[in-house]
Amino acid sequence: MRRLKGFTLVELLVVIAITAILIALLLPAVQAAREVARRTTCRNNMKQIGLALHNYESVNRILPPSSTSRIDFGVWSTNATQYALHSWAGMLLPFLEQGTVAVQVNYDLSALDPLNKKAAAQVLGVYRCPSYTGPDFSQSPFYLPFSNRYAIRNYAAMGATTIGKLYLQPDGVFYAQSSTRIRDVRDGTSNTI
C-alpha cells in the first residue's frame, strides 16, 4: 500500500487554530499601536494650536476671544447673522497654515452668513481629535437653520470655571470679546490654556 503525501484534517485544524491564536494575540498590540499614533496626532494638534496662539498674540498683542461678539449674541440669539460671531478657531486660521481657508472668511460678516458657508464647511485636521468617530458636520438645532454643513471641531477653549462666571465675571482666558494677554496668565499657559 502506497502512502500519499499531504495534510490530514487534524493537522490542518491544528494549523488553523494556532494561526487564529496568534492573530488574536496580535490584534490588541495593533490596536495599542494605533491608539499611540492617535494620541501623538492629538498632541501635535494641540502643539500647533498652542504655537498659533502664541503667534496670534505676538501679532495682535492679545489672545483671540471665544467670540468677537458679546456673549448674549450667540448662535442662539434672534438674527444671529447680524453679529460678527467669529471664534478663536477662525481667528487662528492664518497662524495654522490655513491661509486658503482664512481668505474665504469675511470677518466683517457673521460666521453664519451665507458668504462664509464655504469656509465653515471645511473639516480641518488640526481641529479634529483623531479618535473622534462622529459626524463631520454639526447636527445642532442652533446651526441647522443656517446650514447643515458647519464643520465640527473637537478642541474647545475655556472662558471661565463656571457658566455663571462666564456671563458675569469671566475668570478664564478665552471668553466673548476678551482681551487676555499671555502675561495675564499668571499660573502658566501650559496648565491654564
Foldseek 3Di string as FASTA:
>chain_A
DDDDDDDDPVRVVVVVVVVVVVVVVCVVVVVVVVVVVLVVLLVVLVVLLVQLQVVLCVVVVFGWAQFQDAPVLELPDPPNFADLGDGSVLVSCVSSVNVVLNVQDDSVTHCLDPSNLVSQLDQDSSQARPVDDDDQFDPDPSNVVSHRRGGDGDDDADFAPDPVCLNPPTPARHHHNDGHGLVNPPVDPVVGD
